[in-house]
Amino acid sequence: MKELAAKPALDRHIGALLRGHRRAKEISQHDLAATVGLTFQQIQKYECGENRISASKLVEMARALDVPITAFFAGLETPHGDDLLARFCQLDGATGFMHAALRMPPAVRAEIFRLAGSWADAP
């Protein structure tokens, strides 16, 4: 029997960011699928990295979500950044937190990040 290959990390990374951006815009899988001419099941497969997204579909989804195409590659510049960002985007409440952080004044956001860092380092 043929063993299933592990899902490529890049496909999981792009899928996690797709899910994060879609949720941040409060767009359902059904609505995104209808906009780009797919089924919601295909969107699900993309979001969990089960299927690879073609370049043309990625461009269509970026337009539908009103994000730059580079938004799906964030975190790839640093070693292990893809795993960290993908894991964060999958946390419950992560997209709400990102929305809130973007609306905060910079000084408040900096303080929240400082506090989060100190809490993470607490025993």
PDB file of N, CA and C in Angstrom:
ATOM      1  N   MET A   1       0.833  -1.181   0.000  1.00  0.00           N
ATOM      2  CA  MET A   1       0.000   0.000   0.000  1.00  0.00           C
ATOM      3  C   MET A   1       0.882   1.249   0.000  1.00  0.00           C
ATOM      4  N   LYS A   2       0.514   2.230  -0.775  1.00  0.00           N
ATOM      5  CA  LYS A   2       1.303   3.456  -0.917  1.00  0.00           C
ATOM      6  C   LYS A   2       1.123   4.350   0.304  1.00  0.00           C
ATOM      7  N   GLU A   3       2.241   4.837   0.852  1.00  0.00           N
ATOM      8  CA  GLU A   3       2.173   5.747   1.994  1.00  0.00           C
ATOM      9  C   GLU A   3       1.854   7.154   1.511  1.00  0.00           C
ATOM     10  N   LEU A   4       1.077   7.869   2.318  1.00  0.00           N
ATOM     11  CA  LEU A   4       0.749   9.247   1.979  1.00  0.00           C
ATOM     12  C   LEU A   4       1.928  10.150   2.308  1.00  0.00           C
ATOM     13  N   ALA A   5       2.258  11.008   1.386  1.00  0.00           N
ATOM     14  CA  ALA A   5       3.347  11.961   1.617  1.00  0.00           C
ATOM     15  C   ALA A   5       2.860  13.060   2.552  1.00  0.00           C
ATOM     16  N   ALA A   6       3.778  13.568   3.344  1.00  0.00           N
ATOM     17  CA  ALA A   6       3.436  14.689   4.229  1.00  0.00           C
ATOM     18  C   ALA A   6       3.100  15.904   3.374  1.00  0.00           C
ATOM     19  N   LYS A   7       2.177  16.707   3.859  1.00  0.00           N
ATOM     20  CA  LYS A   7       1.807  17.928   3.143  1.00  0.00           C
ATOM     21  C   LYS A   7       2.999  18.879   3.166  1.00  0.00           C
ATOM     22  N   PRO A   8       3.373  19.414   2.003  1.00  0.00           N
ATOM     23  CA  PRO A   8       4.509  20.344   1.984  1.00  0.00           C
ATOM     24  C   PRO A   8       4.270  21.542   2.907  1.00  0.00           C
ATOM     25  N   ALA A   9       5.313  21.929   3.616  1.00  0.00           N
ATOM     26  CA  ALA A   9       5.206  23.033   4.578  1.00  0.00           C
ATOM     27  C   ALA A   9       4.742  24.322   3.902  1.00  0.00           C
ATOM     28  N   LEU A  10       5.196  24.570   2.690  1.00  0.00           N
ATOM     29  CA  LEU A  10       4.805  25.800   2.001  1.00  0.00           C
ATOM     30  C   LEU A  10       3.307  25.809   1.712  1.00  0.00           C
ATOM     31  N   ASP A  11       2.751  24.675   1.309  1.00  0.00           N
ATOM     32  CA  ASP A  11       1.308  24.598   1.050  1.00  0.00           C
ATOM     33  C   ASP A  11       0.512  24.821   2.333  1.00  0.00           C
ATOM     34  N   ARG A  12       0.984  24.269   3.441  1.00  0.00           N
ATOM     35  CA  ARG A  12       0.311  24.485   4.735  1.00  0.00           C
ATOM     36  C   ARG A  12       0.402  25.950   5.142  1.00  0.00           C
ATOM     37  N   HIS A  13       1.558  26.543   4.922  1.00  0.00           N
ATOM     38  CA  HIS A  13       1.783  27.947   5.273  1.00  0.00           C
ATOM     39  C   HIS A  13       0.840  28.864   4.490  1.00  0.00           C
ATOM     40  N   ILE A  14       0.800  28.693   3.179  1.00  0.00           N
ATOM     41  CA  ILE A  14      -0.069  29.523   2.341  1.00  0.00           C
ATOM     42  C   ILE A  14      -1.526  29.294   2.715  1.00  0.00           C
ATOM     43  N   GLY A  15      -1.896  28.049   2.960  1.00  0.00           N
ATOM     44  CA  GLY A  15      -3.270  27.737   3.354  1.00  0.00           C
ATOM     45  C   GLY A  15      -3.661  28.385   4.668  1.00  0.00           C
ATOM     46  N   ALA A  16      -2.750  28.358   5.633  1.00  0.00           N
ATOM     47  CA  ALA A  16      -3.038  28.978   6.932  1.00  0.00           C
ATOM     48  C   ALA A  16      -3.213  30.488   6.786  1.00  0.00           C
ATOM     49  N   LEU A  17      -2.389  31.104   5.950  1.00  0.00           N
ATOM     50  CA  LEU A  17      -2.530  32.543   5.731  1.00  0.00           C
ATOM     51  C   LEU A  17      -3.805  32.860   4.960  1.00  0.00           C
ATOM     52  N   LEU A  18      -4.171  32.002   4.016  1.00  0.00           N
ATOM     53  CA  LEU A  18      -5.438  32.174   3.304  1.00  0.00           C
ATOM     54  C   LEU A  18      -6.589  32.159   4.305  1.00  0.00           C
ATOM     55  N   ARG A  19      -6.590  31.171   5.198  1.00  0.00           N
ATOM     56  CA  ARG A  19      -7.641  31.081   6.218  1.00  0.00           C
ATOM     57  C   ARG A  19      -7.649  32.331   7.098  1.00  0.00           C
ATOM     58  N   GLY A  20      -6.470  32.762   7.522  1.00  0.00           N
ATOM     59  CA  GLY A  20      -6.383  33.942   8.380  1.00  0.00           C
ATOM     60  C   GLY A  20      -6.925  35.196   7.712  1.00  0.00           C
ATOM     61  N   HIS A  21      -6.548  35.414   6.465  1.00  0.00           N
ATOM     62  CA  HIS A  21      -7.030  36.603   5.746  1.00  0.00           C
ATOM     63  C   HIS A  21      -8.528  36.514   5.470  1.00  0.00           C
ATOM     64  N   ARG A  22      -8.998  35.321   5.142  1.00  0.00           N
ATOM     65  CA  ARG A  22     -10.432  35.151   4.881  1.00  0.00           C
ATOM     66  C   ARG A  22     -11.236  35.430   6.143  1.00  0.00           C
ATOM     67  N   ARG A  23     -10.785  34.878   7.260  1.00  0.00           N
ATOM     68  CA  ARG A  23     -11.490  35.110   8.530  1.00  0.00           C
ATOM     69  C   ARG A  23     -11.407  36.572   8.954  1.00  0.00           C
ATOM     70  N   ALA A  24     -10.250  37.185   8.733  1.00  0.00           N
ATOM     71  CA  ALA A  24     -10.085  38.594   9.105  1.00  0.00           C
ATOM     72  C   ALA A  24     -11.066  39.481   8.345  1.00  0.00           C
ATOM     73  N   LYS A  25     -11.371  39.106   7.122  1.00  0.00           N
ATOM     74  CA  LYS A  25     -12.329  39.867   6.307  1.00  0.00           C
ATOM     75  C   LYS A  25     -13.766  39.404   6.550  1.00  0.00           C
ATOM     76  N   GLU A  26     -13.918  38.417   7.438  1.00  0.00           N
ATOM     77  CA  GLU A  26     -15.234  37.857   7.775  1.00  0.00           C
ATOM     78  C   GLU A  26     -15.964  37.359   6.526  1.00  0.00           C
ATOM     79  N   ILE A  27     -15.225  36.646   5.687  1.00  0.00           N
ATOM     80  CA  ILE A  27     -15.775  36.053   4.471  1.00  0.00           C
ATOM     81  C   ILE A  27     -15.846  34.545   4.683  1.00  0.00           C
ATOM     82  N   SER A  28     -16.978  33.950   4.382  1.00  0.00           N
ATOM     83  CA  SER A  28     -17.132  32.502   4.549  1.00  0.00           C
ATOM     84  C   SER A  28     -16.406  31.762   3.426  1.00  0.00           C
ATOM     85  N   GLN A  29     -16.146  30.487   3.676  1.00  0.00           N
ATOM     86  CA  GLN A  29     -15.552  29.660   2.630  1.00  0.00           C
ATOM     87  C   GLN A  29     -16.474  29.606   1.413  1.00  0.00           C
ATOM     88  N   HIS A  30     -17.775  29.524   1.663  1.00  0.00           N
ATOM     89  CA  HIS A  30     -18.752  29.491   0.564  1.00  0.00           C
ATOM     90  C   HIS A  30     -18.658  30.757  -0.294  1.00  0.00           C
ATOM     91  N   ASP A  31     -18.606  31.912   0.361  1.00  0.00           N
ATOM     92  CA  ASP A  31     -18.573  33.179  -0.374  1.00  0.00           C
ATOM     93  C   ASP A  31     -17.275  33.349  -1.166  1.00  0.00           C
ATOM     94  N   LEU A  32     -16.152  32.996  -0.546  1.00  0.00           N
ATOM     95  CA  LEU A  32     -14.882  33.094  -1.267  1.00  0.00           C
ATOM     96  C   LEU A  32     -14.883  32.142  -2.457  1.00  0.00           C
ATOM     97  N   ALA A  33     -15.367  30.930  -2.234  1.00  0.00           N
ATOM     98  CA  ALA A  33     -15.419  29.939  -3.312  1.00  0.00           C
ATOM     99  C   ALA A  33     -16.255  30.445  -4.484  1.00  0.00           C
ATOM    100  N   ALA A  34     -17.408  31.015  -4.180  1.00  0.00           N
ATOM    101  CA  ALA A  34     -18.285  31.528  -5.236  1.00  0.00           C
ATOM    102  C   ALA A  34     -17.608  32.656  -6.011  1.00  0.00           C
ATOM    103  N   THR A  35     -16.875  33.500  -5.308  1.00  0.00           N
ATOM    104  CA  THR A  35     -16.207  34.636  -5.948  1.00  0.00           C
ATOM    105  C   THR A  35     -15.120  34.190  -6.920  1.00  0.00           C
ATOM    106  N   VAL A  36     -14.396  33.129  -6.560  1.00  0.00           N
ATOM    107  CA  VAL A  36     -13.272  32.690  -7.402  1.00  0.00           C
ATOM    108  C   VAL A  36     -13.594  31.456  -8.244  1.00  0.00           C
ATOM    109  N   GLY A  37     -14.852  31.028  -8.230  1.00  0.00           N
ATOM    110  CA  GLY A  37     -15.268  29.924  -9.088  1.00  0.00           C
ATOM    111  C   GLY A  37     -14.832  28.547  -8.634  1.00  0.00           C
ATOM    112  N   LEU A  38     -14.880  28.323  -7.320  1.00  0.00           N
ATOM    113  CA  LEU A  38     -14.519  27.026  -6.749  1.00  0.00           C
ATOM    114  C   LEU A  38     -15.643  26.538  -5.847  1.00  0.00           C
ATOM    115  N   THR A  39     -15.482  25.336  -5.303  1.00  0.00           N
ATOM    116  CA  THR A  39     -16.401  24.847  -4.276  1.00  0.00           C
ATOM    117  C   THR A  39     -15.810  25.189  -2.914  1.00  0.00           C
ATOM    118  N   PHE A  40     -16.668  25.252  -1.893  1.00  0.00           N
ATOM    119  CA  PHE A  40     -16.139  25.537  -0.555  1.00  0.00           C
ATOM    120  C   PHE A  40     -15.234  24.403  -0.091  1.00  0.00           C
ATOM    121  N   GLN A  41     -15.489  23.180  -0.578  1.00  0.00           N
ATOM    122  CA  GLN A  41     -14.630  22.053  -0.201  1.00  0.00           C
ATOM    123  C   GLN A  41     -13.202  22.263  -0.711  1.00  0.00           C
ATOM    124  N   GLN A  42     -13.085  22.861  -1.895  1.00  0.00           N
ATOM    125  CA  GLN A  42     -11.752  23.134  -2.430  1.00  0.00           C
ATOM    126  C   GLN A  42     -11.048  24.195  -1.589  1.00  0.00           C
ATOM    127  N   ILE A  43     -11.785  25.199  -1.139  1.00  0.00           N
ATOM    128  CA  ILE A  43     -11.202  26.211  -0.248  1.00  0.00           C
ATOM    129  C   ILE A  43     -10.716  25.534   1.031  1.00  0.00           C
ATOM    130  N   GLN A  44     -11.512  24.617   1.581  1.00  0.00           N
ATOM    131  CA  GLN A  44     -11.105  23.878   2.785  1.00  0.00           C
ATOM    132  C   GLN A  44      -9.789  23.143   2.540  1.00  0.00           C
ATOM    133  N   LYS A  45      -9.684  22.481   1.404  1.00  0.00           N
ATOM    134  CA  LYS A  45      -8.465  21.728   1.085  1.00  0.00           C
ATOM    135  C   LYS A  45      -7.265  22.659   0.946  1.00  0.00           C
ATOM    136  N   TYR A  46      -7.478  23.823   0.337  1.00  0.00           N
ATOM    137  CA  TYR A  46      -6.392  24.794   0.241  1.00  0.00           C
ATOM    138  C   TYR A  46      -5.967  25.258   1.629  1.00  0.00           C
ATOM    139  N   GLU A  47      -6.943  25.566   2.483  1.00  0.00           N
ATOM    140  CA  GLU A  47      -6.636  26.133   3.796  1.00  0.00           C
ATOM    141  C   GLU A  47      -5.888  25.161   4.700  1.00  0.00           C
ATOM    142  N   CYS A  48      -6.100  23.878   4.542  1.00  0.00           N
ATOM    143  CA  CYS A  48      -5.364  22.930   5.392  1.00  0.00           C
ATOM    144  C   CYS A  48      -4.116  22.398   4.685  1.00  0.00           C
ATOM    145  N   GLY A  49      -3.823  22.924   3.496  1.00  0.00           N
ATOM    146  CA  GLY A  49      -2.611  22.527   2.788  1.00  0.00           C
ATOM    147  C   GLY A  49      -2.726  21.187   2.100  1.00  0.00           C
ATOM    148  N   GLU A  50      -3.939  20.667   2.003  1.00  0.00           N
ATOM    149  CA  GLU A  50      -4.141  19.368   1.359  1.00  0.00           C
ATOM    150  C   GLU A  50      -3.929  19.459  -0.151  1.00  0.00           C
ATOM    151  N   ASN A  51      -4.339  20.562  -0.744  1.00  0.00           N
ATOM    152  CA  ASN A  51      -4.145  20.796  -2.183  1.00  0.00           C
ATOM    153  C   ASN A  51      -3.317  22.055  -2.388  1.00  0.00           C
ATOM    154  N   ARG A  52      -2.516  22.041  -3.421  1.00  0.00           N
ATOM    155  CA  ARG A  52      -1.681  23.192  -3.765  1.00  0.00           C
ATOM    156  C   ARG A  52      -2.502  24.192  -4.581  1.00  0.00           C
ATOM    157  N   ILE A  53      -2.336  25.470  -4.278  1.00  0.00           N
ATOM    158  CA  ILE A  53      -3.073  26.526  -4.972  1.00  0.00           C
ATOM    159  C   ILE A  53      -2.267  26.984  -6.184  1.00  0.00           C
ATOM    160  N   SER A  54      -2.908  27.032  -7.341  1.00  0.00           N
ATOM    161  CA  SER A  54      -2.220  27.521  -8.543  1.00  0.00           C
ATOM    162  C   SER A  54      -1.968  29.023  -8.399  1.00  0.00           C
ATOM    163  N   ALA A  55      -0.996  29.500  -9.139  1.00  0.00           N
ATOM    164  CA  ALA A  55      -0.666  30.929  -9.084  1.00  0.00           C
ATOM    165  C   ALA A  55      -1.860  31.783  -9.491  1.00  0.00           C
ATOM    166  N   SER A  56      -2.579  31.365 -10.521  1.00  0.00           N
ATOM    167  CA  SER A  56      -3.719  32.172 -10.980  1.00  0.00           C
ATOM    168  C   SER A  56      -4.830  32.219  -9.933  1.00  0.00           C
ATOM    169  N   LYS A  57      -5.092  31.096  -9.253  1.00  0.00           N
ATOM    170  CA  LYS A  57      -6.125  31.091  -8.204  1.00  0.00           C
ATOM    171  C   LYS A  57      -5.674  31.919  -7.007  1.00  0.00           C
ATOM    172  N   LEU A  58      -4.383  31.879  -6.697  1.00  0.00           N
ATOM    173  CA  LEU A  58      -3.876  32.664  -5.580  1.00  0.00           C
ATOM    174  C   LEU A  58      -4.059  34.155  -5.858  1.00  0.00           C
ATOM    175  N   VAL A  59      -3.819  34.566  -7.093  1.00  0.00           N
ATOM    176  CA  VAL A  59      -4.027  35.969  -7.472  1.00  0.00           C
ATOM    177  C   VAL A  59      -5.504  36.322  -7.350  1.00  0.00           C
ATOM    178  N   GLU A  60      -6.390  35.448  -7.831  1.00  0.00           N
ATOM    179  CA  GLU A  60      -7.831  35.697  -7.723  1.00  0.00           C
ATOM    180  C   GLU A  60      -8.258  35.830  -6.263  1.00  0.00           C
ATOM    181  N   MET A  61      -7.726  34.951  -5.404  1.00  0.00           N
ATOM    182  CA  MET A  61      -8.102  35.007  -3.988  1.00  0.00           C
ATOM    183  C   MET A  61      -7.551  36.258  -3.318  1.00  0.00           C
ATOM    184  N   ALA A  62      -6.344  36.665  -3.686  1.00  0.00           N
ATOM    185  CA  ALA A  62      -5.787  37.904  -3.138  1.00  0.00           C
ATOM    186  C   ALA A  62      -6.681  39.085  -3.504  1.00  0.00           C
ATOM    187  N   ARG A  63      -7.137  39.114  -4.745  1.00  0.00           N
ATOM    188  CA  ARG A  63      -8.034  40.195  -5.175  1.00  0.00           C
ATOM    189  C   ARG A  63      -9.365  40.131  -4.433  1.00  0.00           C
ATOM    190  N   ALA A  64      -9.913  38.929  -4.294  1.00  0.00           N
ATOM    191  CA  ALA A  64     -11.202  38.768  -3.608  1.00  0.00           C
ATOM    192  C   ALA A  64     -11.112  39.182  -2.144  1.00  0.00           C
ATOM    193  N   LEU A  65      -9.945  38.940  -1.528  1.00  0.00           N
ATOM    194  CA  LEU A  65      -9.750  39.280  -0.117  1.00  0.00           C
ATOM    195  C   LEU A  65      -9.172  40.682   0.061  1.00  0.00           C
ATOM    196  N   ASP A  66      -8.855  41.341  -1.051  1.00  0.00           N
ATOM    197  CA  ASP A  66      -8.277  42.683  -1.030  1.00  0.00           C
ATOM    198  C   ASP A  66      -6.988  42.729  -0.217  1.00  0.00           C
ATOM    199  N   VAL A  67      -6.104  41.766  -0.502  1.00  0.00           N
ATOM    200  CA  VAL A  67      -4.779  41.726   0.122  1.00  0.00           C
ATOM    201  C   VAL A  67      -3.747  41.606  -0.999  1.00  0.00           C
ATOM    202  N   PRO A  68      -2.533  42.084  -0.766  1.00  0.00           N
ATOM    203  CA  PRO A  68      -1.498  41.908  -1.787  1.00  0.00           C
ATOM    204  C   PRO A  68      -1.128  40.430  -1.900  1.00  0.00           C
ATOM    205  N   ILE A  69      -0.709  40.011  -3.062  1.00  0.00           N
ATOM    206  CA  ILE A  69      -0.332  38.607  -3.264  1.00  0.00           C
ATOM    207  C   ILE A  69       0.773  38.202  -2.293  1.00  0.00           C
ATOM    208  N   THR A  70       1.617  39.148  -1.915  1.00  0.00           N
ATOM    209  CA  THR A  70       2.706  38.855  -0.978  1.00  0.00           C
ATOM    210  C   THR A  70       2.194  38.490   0.411  1.00  0.00           C
ATOM    211  N   ALA A  71       0.937  38.797   0.700  1.00  0.00           N
ATOM    212  CA  ALA A  71       0.378  38.471   2.016  1.00  0.00           C
ATOM    213  C   ALA A  71       0.400  36.971   2.277  1.00  0.00           C
ATOM    214  N   PHE A  72       0.396  36.164   1.220  1.00  0.00           N
ATOM    215  CA  PHE A  72       0.391  34.714   1.383  1.00  0.00           C
ATOM    216  C   PHE A  72       1.789  34.137   1.581  1.00  0.00           C
ATOM    217  N   PHE A  73       2.792  34.999   1.520  1.00  0.00           N
ATOM    218  CA  PHE A  73       4.167  34.545   1.680  1.00  0.00           C
ATOM    219  C   PHE A  73       4.842  35.176   2.895  1.00  0.00           C
ATOM    220  N   ALA A  74       4.066  35.895   3.689  1.00  0.00           N
ATOM    221  CA  ALA A  74       4.610  36.527   4.895  1.00  0.00           C
ATOM    222  C   ALA A  74       5.191  35.461   5.814  1.00  0.00           C
ATOM    223  N   GLY A  75       6.326  35.786   6.396  1.00  0.00           N
ATOM    224  CA  GLY A  75       6.942  34.869   7.349  1.00  0.00           C
ATOM    225  C   GLY A  75       7.915  33.893   6.732  1.00  0.00           C
ATOM    226  N   LEU A  76       8.072  33.919   5.432  1.00  0.00           N
ATOM    227  CA  LEU A  76       8.986  32.980   4.786  1.00  0.00           C
ATOM    228  C   LEU A  76      10.412  33.503   4.717  1.00  0.00           C
ATOM    229  N   GLU A  77      10.596  34.780   5.085  1.00  0.00           N
ATOM    230  CA  GLU A  77      11.915  35.387   4.961  1.00  0.00           C
ATOM    231  C   GLU A  77      12.903  34.861   5.996  1.00  0.00           C
ATOM    232  N   THR A  78      12.393  34.383   7.126  1.00  0.00           N
ATOM    233  CA  THR A  78      13.273  33.936   8.195  1.00  0.00           C
ATOM    234  C   THR A  78      13.152  32.426   8.374  1.00  0.00           C
ATOM    235  N   PRO A  79      14.215  31.780   8.835  1.00  0.00           N
ATOM    236  CA  PRO A  79      14.127  30.344   9.070  1.00  0.00           C
ATOM    237  C   PRO A  79      13.019  30.032  10.076  1.00  0.00           C
ATOM    238  N   HIS A  80      12.239  29.056   9.786  1.00  0.00           N
ATOM    239  CA  HIS A  80      11.144  28.573  10.638  1.00  0.00           C
ATOM    240  C   HIS A  80      10.019  29.583  10.792  1.00  0.00           C
ATOM    241  N   GLY A  81      10.099  30.716  10.106  1.00  0.00           N
ATOM    242  CA  GLY A  81       9.032  31.707  10.183  1.00  0.00           C
ATOM    243  C   GLY A  81       7.714  31.162   9.669  1.00  0.00           C
ATOM    244  N   ASP A  82       7.782  30.285   8.652  1.00  0.00           N
ATOM    245  CA  ASP A  82       6.549  29.740   8.098  1.00  0.00           C
ATOM    246  C   ASP A  82       5.811  28.911   9.133  1.00  0.00           C
ATOM    247  N   ASP A  83       6.508  28.112   9.903  1.00  0.00           N
ATOM    248  CA  ASP A  83       5.850  27.295  10.918  1.00  0.00           C
ATOM    249  C   ASP A  83       5.240  28.172  12.007  1.00  0.00           C
ATOM    250  N   LEU A  84       5.959  29.179  12.452  1.00  0.00           N
ATOM    251  CA  LEU A  84       5.496  30.054  13.524  1.00  0.00           C
ATOM    252  C   LEU A  84       4.244  30.823  13.107  1.00  0.00           C
ATOM    253  N   LEU A  85       4.283  31.447  11.953  1.00  0.00           N
ATOM    254  CA  LEU A  85       3.137  32.234  11.498  1.00  0.00           C
ATOM    255  C   LEU A  85       1.932  31.343  11.208  1.00  0.00           C
ATOM    256  N   ALA A  86       2.163  30.214  10.576  1.00  0.00           N
ATOM    257  CA  ALA A  86       1.060  29.298  10.275  1.00  0.00           C
ATOM    258  C   ALA A  86       0.418  28.791  11.567  1.00  0.00           C
ATOM    259  N   ARG A  87       1.236  28.458  12.552  1.00  0.00           N
ATOM    260  CA  ARG A  87       0.682  27.981  13.835  1.00  0.00           C
ATOM    261  C   ARG A  87      -0.119  29.082  14.509  1.00  0.00           C
ATOM    262  N   PHE A  88       0.386  30.321  14.485  1.00  0.00           N
ATOM    263  CA  PHE A  88      -0.332  31.428  15.111  1.00  0.00           C
ATOM    264  C   PHE A  88      -1.677  31.656  14.436  1.00  0.00           C
ATOM    265  N   CYS A  89      -1.697  31.648  13.113  1.00  0.00           N
ATOM    266  CA  CYS A  89      -2.939  31.911  12.367  1.00  0.00           C
ATOM    267  C   CYS A  89      -4.003  30.860  12.636  1.00  0.00           C
ATOM    268  N   GLN A  90      -3.611  29.688  13.081  1.00  0.00           N
ATOM    269  CA  GLN A  90      -4.573  28.623  13.350  1.00  0.00           C
ATOM    270  C   GLN A  90      -5.140  28.685  14.767  1.00  0.00           C
ATOM    271  N   LEU A  91      -4.601  29.536  15.630  1.00  0.00           N
ATOM    272  CA  LEU A  91      -5.105  29.659  16.995  1.00  0.00           C
ATOM    273  C   LEU A  91      -6.483  30.305  17.003  1.00  0.00           C
ATOM    274  N   ASP A  92      -7.356  29.815  17.886  1.00  0.00           N
ATOM    275  CA  ASP A  92      -8.658  30.457  18.057  1.00  0.00           C
ATOM    276  C   ASP A  92      -8.436  31.900  18.499  1.00  0.00           C
ATOM    277  N   GLY A  93      -9.090  32.811  17.847  1.00  0.00           N
ATOM    278  CA  GLY A  93      -8.998  34.218  18.208  1.00  0.00           C
ATOM    279  C   GLY A  93      -7.828  34.962  17.588  1.00  0.00           C
ATOM    280  N   ALA A  94      -6.972  34.274  16.839  1.00  0.00           N
ATOM    281  CA  ALA A  94      -5.783  34.933  16.279  1.00  0.00           C
ATOM    282  C   ALA A  94      -6.155  36.056  15.320  1.00  0.00           C
ATOM    283  N   THR A  95      -7.119  35.820  14.456  1.00  0.00           N
ATOM    284  CA  THR A  95      -7.466  36.867  13.491  1.00  0.00           C
ATOM    285  C   THR A  95      -8.143  38.047  14.178  1.00  0.00           C
ATOM    286  N   GLY A  96      -8.943  37.782  15.198  1.00  0.00           N
ATOM    287  CA  GLY A  96      -9.541  38.872  15.965  1.00  0.00           C
ATOM    288  C   GLY A  96      -8.471  39.693  16.662  1.00  0.00           C
ATOM    289  N   PHE A  97      -7.466  39.007  17.205  1.00  0.00           N
ATOM    290  CA  PHE A  97      -6.356  39.688  17.859  1.00  0.00           C
ATOM    291  C   PHE A  97      -5.604  40.557  16.852  1.00  0.00           C
ATOM    292  N   MET A  98      -5.378  40.021  15.650  1.00  0.00           N
ATOM    293  CA  MET A  98      -4.668  40.800  14.628  1.00  0.00           C
ATOM    294  C   MET A  98      -5.475  42.033  14.229  1.00  0.00           C
ATOM    295  N   HIS A  99      -6.790  41.864  14.060  1.00  0.00           N
ATOM    296  CA  HIS A  99      -7.647  43.015  13.740  1.00  0.00           C
ATOM    297  C   HIS A  99      -7.556  44.076  14.834  1.00  0.00           C
ATOM    298  N   ALA A 100      -7.655  43.629  16.086  1.00  0.00           N
ATOM    299  CA  ALA A 100      -7.600  44.567  17.212  1.00  0.00           C
ATOM    300  C   ALA A 100      -6.244  45.273  17.256  1.00  0.00           C
ATOM    301  N   ALA A 101      -5.173  44.519  17.060  1.00  0.00           N
ATOM    302  CA  ALA A 101      -3.832  45.100  17.106  1.00  0.00           C
ATOM    303  C   ALA A 101      -3.644  46.154  16.018  1.00  0.00           C
ATOM    304  N   LEU A 102      -4.223  45.922  14.860  1.00  0.00           N
ATOM    305  CA  LEU A 102      -4.099  46.890  13.767  1.00  0.00           C
ATOM    306  C   LEU A 102      -4.872  48.175  14.030  1.00  0.00           C
ATOM    307  N   ARG A 103      -5.907  48.101  14.859  1.00  0.00           N
ATOM    308  CA  ARG A 103      -6.704  49.291  15.178  1.00  0.00           C
ATOM    309  C   ARG A 103      -6.132  50.074  16.363  1.00  0.00           C
ATOM    310  N   MET A 104      -5.231  49.469  17.125  1.00  0.00           N
ATOM    311  CA  MET A 104      -4.676  50.124  18.314  1.00  0.00           C
ATOM    312  C   MET A 104      -3.708  51.237  17.925  1.00  0.00           C
ATOM    313  N   PRO A 105      -3.637  52.266  18.771  1.00  0.00           N
ATOM    314  CA  PRO A 105      -2.568  53.251  18.579  1.00  0.00           C
ATOM    315  C   PRO A 105      -1.216  52.541  18.738  1.00  0.00           C
ATOM    316  N   PRO A 106      -0.202  52.962  17.999  1.00  0.00           N
ATOM    317  CA  PRO A 106       1.098  52.284  18.055  1.00  0.00           C
ATOM    318  C   PRO A 106       1.664  52.118  19.461  1.00  0.00           C
ATOM    319  N   ALA A 107       1.513  53.113  20.316  1.00  0.00           N
ATOM    320  CA  ALA A 107       2.063  53.012  21.673  1.00  0.00           C
ATOM    321  C   ALA A 107       1.348  51.921  22.474  1.00  0.00           C
ATOM    322  N   VAL A 108       0.035  51.822  22.315  1.00  0.00           N
ATOM    323  CA  VAL A 108      -0.734  50.787  23.015  1.00  0.00           C
ATOM    324  C   VAL A 108      -0.340  49.412  22.487  1.00  0.00           C
ATOM    325  N   ARG A 109      -0.228  49.294  21.164  1.00  0.00           N
ATOM    326  CA  ARG A 109       0.155  48.021  20.554  1.00  0.00           C
ATOM    327  C   ARG A 109       1.533  47.589  21.050  1.00  0.00           C
ATOM    328  N   ALA A 110       2.471  48.520  21.131  1.00  0.00           N
ATOM    329  CA  ALA A 110       3.815  48.191  21.614  1.00  0.00           C
ATOM    330  C   ALA A 110       3.765  47.687  23.051  1.00  0.00           C
ATOM    331  N   GLU A 111       2.927  48.308  23.877  1.00  0.00           N
ATOM    332  CA  GLU A 111       2.799  47.880  25.277  1.00  0.00           C
ATOM    333  C   GLU A 111       2.174  46.484  25.364  1.00  0.00           C
ATOM    334  N   ILE A 112       1.158  46.222  24.550  1.00  0.00           N
ATOM    335  CA  ILE A 112       0.531  44.891  24.526  1.00  0.00           C
ATOM    336  C   ILE A 112       1.565  43.838  24.135  1.00  0.00           C
ATOM    337  N   PHE A 113       2.358  44.119  23.113  1.00  0.00           N
ATOM    338  CA  PHE A 113       3.381  43.170  22.678  1.00  0.00           C
ATOM    339  C   PHE A 113       4.433  42.959  23.772  1.00  0.00           C
ATOM    340  N   ARG A 114       4.805  44.059  24.461  1.00  0.00           N
ATOM    341  CA  ARG A 114       5.787  43.935  25.545  1.00  0.00           C
ATOM    342  C   ARG A 114       5.224  43.059  26.657  1.00  0.00           C
ATOM    343  N   LEU A 115       3.957  43.305  27.038  1.00  0.00           N
ATOM    344  CA  LEU A 115       3.320  42.502  28.084  1.00  0.00           C
ATOM    345  C   LEU A 115       3.217  41.035  27.683  1.00  0.00           C
ATOM    346  N   ALA A 116       2.821  40.788  26.454  1.00  0.00           N
ATOM    347  CA  ALA A 116       2.701  39.403  25.983  1.00  0.00           C
ATOM    348  C   ALA A 116       4.051  38.699  26.062  1.00  0.00           C
ATOM    349  N   GLY A 117       5.100  39.398  25.679  1.00  0.00           N
ATOM    350  CA  GLY A 117       6.434  38.815  25.762  1.00  0.00           C
ATOM    351  C   GLY A 117       6.850  38.510  27.186  1.00  0.00           C
ATOM    352  N   SER A 118       6.539  39.422  28.112  1.00  0.00           N
ATOM    353  CA  SER A 118       6.919  39.182  29.509  1.00  0.00           C
ATOM    354  C   SER A 118       6.090  38.051  30.114  1.00  0.00           C
ATOM    355  N   TRP A 119       4.810  37.957  29.747  1.00  0.00           N
ATOM    356  CA  TRP A 119       3.980  36.854  30.255  1.00  0.00           C
ATOM    357  C   TRP A 119       4.460  35.509  29.707  1.00  0.00           C
ATOM    358  N   ALA A 120       4.898  35.509  28.467  1.00  0.00           N
ATOM    359  CA  ALA A 120       5.376  34.265  27.862  1.00  0.00           C
ATOM    360  C   ALA A 120       6.648  33.774  28.542  1.00  0.00           C
ATOM    361  N   ASP A 121       7.454  34.714  29.064  1.00  0.00           N
ATOM    362  CA  ASP A 121       8.708  34.346  29.717  1.00  0.00           C
ATOM    363  C   ASP A 121       8.546  34.074  31.205  1.00  0.00           C
ATOM    364  N   ALA A 122       7.351  34.319  31.756  1.00  0.00           N
ATOM    365  CA  ALA A 122       7.125  34.121  33.197  1.00  0.00           C
ATOM    366  C   ALA A 122       7.160  32.631  33.539  1.00  0.00           C
ATOM    367  N   PRO A 123       7.643  32.318  34.743  1.00  0.00           N
ATOM    368  CA  PRO A 123       7.709  30.895  35.137  1.00  0.00           C
ATOM    369  C   PRO A 123       6.349  30.266  35.354  1.00  0.00           C
TER     370      PRO A 123
END
